[in-house]
Amino acid sequence: MLENLMGALDLVLCWENFFWAFVGVFCGAIMGAIPGLTDTMAIVLLLPFTYYLGPIPGIAMLMGLSKGGNFGGSLPAILFNIPGTPQAMCTTFDGHPLAMQGKSGKAMQTALFSSVTADALSDLG
């Protein structure tokens, strides 16, 4: 059992998977920041690019797209009071007033921290 776990970790924890996950987070954050392009739409639009990857890097990229899109929607919600994704609607209630007070950096750090925490807890669940 332990050798199977070590073999799985060897497959998952390689540089290629981290690279494609980073590409997915970057593209997802950009697409999530554009109002109307949600994280689900980012996955649908970039799914054909994962056909040329292996199964694990492809799934890593799709997970990165989802997680980056969830955070990316909060950027226009904080700065312009326009949610980029439906999940970021509540961010407009607290984030934009903070940005109007000149504390946009604090609002974006809080959005990033809560997004990472929620995504990590959902992955564990």
Protein backbone atom coordinates (compact mmCIF):
# COMPACT_ATOMS: atom_id res chain seq x y z
CA MET A 1 0.00 0.00 0.00
CA LEU A 2 2.80 2.42 0.89
CA GLU A 3 4.65 1.68 -2.35
CA ASN A 4 1.48 2.50 -4.31
CA LEU A 5 1.18 5.81 -2.48
CA MET A 6 4.83 6.64 -3.18
CA GLY A 7 4.37 5.73 -6.84
CA ALA A 8 1.32 8.01 -7.07
CA LEU A 9 3.21 10.88 -5.43
CA ASP A 10 6.04 10.35 -7.91
CA LEU A 11 3.55 10.73 -10.78
CA VAL A 12 1.77 13.78 -9.36
CA LEU A 13 4.68 15.80 -7.94
CA CYS A 14 6.67 16.39 -11.12
CA TRP A 15 7.57 19.78 -12.58
CA GLU A 16 5.38 19.35 -15.66
CA ASN A 17 2.21 19.07 -13.57
CA PHE A 18 3.08 22.19 -11.57
CA PHE A 19 3.84 24.08 -14.77
CA TRP A 20 0.48 23.25 -16.34
CA ALA A 21 -1.33 23.98 -13.08
CA PHE A 22 0.34 27.42 -13.04
CA VAL A 23 -0.68 28.01 -16.67
CA GLY A 24 -4.23 27.03 -15.73
CA VAL A 25 -4.32 29.39 -12.73
CA PHE A 26 -2.94 32.26 -14.82
CA CYS A 27 -5.40 31.74 -17.69
CA GLY A 28 -8.27 31.16 -15.28
CA ALA A 29 -7.55 34.38 -13.39
CA ILE A 30 -7.50 36.35 -16.64
CA MET A 31 -10.71 34.78 -17.90
CA GLY A 32 -12.40 35.10 -14.51
CA ALA A 33 -11.54 38.80 -14.43
CA ILE A 34 -13.44 39.39 -17.67
CA PRO A 35 -17.13 39.81 -16.80
CA GLY A 36 -19.18 37.11 -18.47
CA LEU A 37 -16.35 34.57 -18.75
CA THR A 38 -16.69 32.33 -15.71
CA ASP A 39 -14.37 29.58 -14.55
CA THR A 40 -16.66 27.02 -16.17
CA MET A 41 -16.44 28.89 -19.48
CA ALA A 42 -12.63 28.96 -19.14
CA ILE A 43 -12.61 25.18 -18.72
CA VAL A 44 -14.85 24.71 -21.75
CA LEU A 45 -12.79 27.05 -23.94
CA LEU A 46 -9.40 25.59 -23.00
CA LEU A 47 -10.43 21.93 -22.81
CA PRO A 48 -9.20 21.16 -26.37
CA PHE A 49 -5.65 22.22 -25.37
CA THR A 50 -5.59 19.49 -22.72
CA TYR A 51 -6.10 16.78 -25.35
CA TYR A 52 -2.42 17.10 -26.28
CA LEU A 53 -1.26 16.73 -22.67
CA GLY A 54 -1.07 13.61 -20.60
CA PRO A 55 -3.94 12.76 -18.26
CA ILE A 56 -2.35 14.12 -15.07
CA PRO A 57 -1.04 17.42 -16.55
CA GLY A 58 -4.39 17.93 -18.27
CA ILE A 59 -6.33 17.50 -15.04
CA ALA A 60 -3.84 19.78 -13.26
CA MET A 61 -4.46 22.46 -15.88
CA LEU A 62 -8.23 22.12 -15.58
CA MET A 63 -8.04 22.34 -11.79
CA GLY A 64 -5.86 25.44 -12.12
CA LEU A 65 -8.39 26.99 -14.49
CA SER A 66 -11.16 26.41 -11.98
CA LYS A 67 -9.23 27.79 -9.03
CA GLY A 68 -7.82 30.78 -10.93
CA GLY A 69 -11.24 31.63 -12.34
CA ASN A 70 -12.78 31.64 -8.88
CA PHE A 71 -10.22 34.18 -7.68
CA GLY A 72 -10.10 36.17 -10.91
CA GLY A 73 -13.77 37.07 -10.64
CA SER A 74 -13.09 39.01 -7.47
CA LEU A 75 -10.63 41.43 -9.13
CA PRO A 76 -13.20 43.48 -11.12
CA ALA A 77 -15.65 43.07 -8.24
CA ILE A 78 -13.22 44.84 -5.92
CA LEU A 79 -11.87 47.43 -8.34
CA PHE A 80 -14.91 48.30 -10.47
CA ASN A 81 -17.91 46.93 -8.50
CA ILE A 82 -18.63 44.57 -11.40
CA PRO A 83 -18.40 40.86 -10.46
CA GLY A 84 -16.39 38.90 -12.99
CA THR A 85 -18.10 35.64 -11.99
CA PRO A 86 -21.38 34.96 -10.19
CA GLN A 87 -19.42 33.71 -7.17
CA ALA A 88 -17.87 37.17 -6.76
CA MET A 89 -21.18 38.98 -6.30
CA CYS A 90 -20.79 39.12 -2.52
CA THR A 91 -17.26 40.47 -2.95
CA THR A 92 -18.76 43.68 -4.33
CA PHE A 93 -20.47 44.34 -0.97
CA ASP A 94 -17.23 44.54 1.04
CA GLY A 95 -14.40 44.71 -1.50
CA HIS A 96 -15.45 47.75 -3.51
CA PRO A 97 -16.08 49.98 -0.46
CA LEU A 98 -12.58 49.06 0.75
CA ALA A 99 -11.18 49.99 -2.66
CA MET A 100 -12.97 53.34 -2.48
CA GLN A 101 -11.20 53.95 0.86
CA GLY A 102 -7.84 53.27 -0.80
CA LYS A 103 -7.45 49.76 0.63
CA SER A 104 -7.80 47.78 -2.58
CA GLY A 105 -4.61 45.83 -1.88
CA LYS A 106 -5.98 44.64 1.45
CA ALA A 107 -9.27 43.63 -0.20
CA MET A 108 -7.48 41.65 -2.93
CA GLN A 109 -5.20 39.95 -0.39
CA THR A 110 -8.23 38.94 1.63
CA ALA A 111 -9.97 37.63 -1.50
CA LEU A 112 -6.85 35.63 -2.44
CA PHE A 113 -6.45 34.21 1.07
CA SER A 114 -10.10 33.18 1.32
CA SER A 115 -10.07 31.70 -2.19
CA VAL A 116 -6.95 29.61 -1.48
CA THR A 117 -8.27 28.50 1.92
CA ALA A 118 -11.68 27.51 0.54
CA ASP A 119 -10.14 25.68 -2.42
CA ALA A 120 -7.71 23.78 -0.17
CA LEU A 121 -10.49 22.75 2.21
CA SER A 122 -12.71 21.64 -0.66
CA ASP A 123 -9.83 19.58 -2.10
CA LEU A 124 -9.34 17.88 1.26
CA GLY A 125 -13.07 17.26 1.53
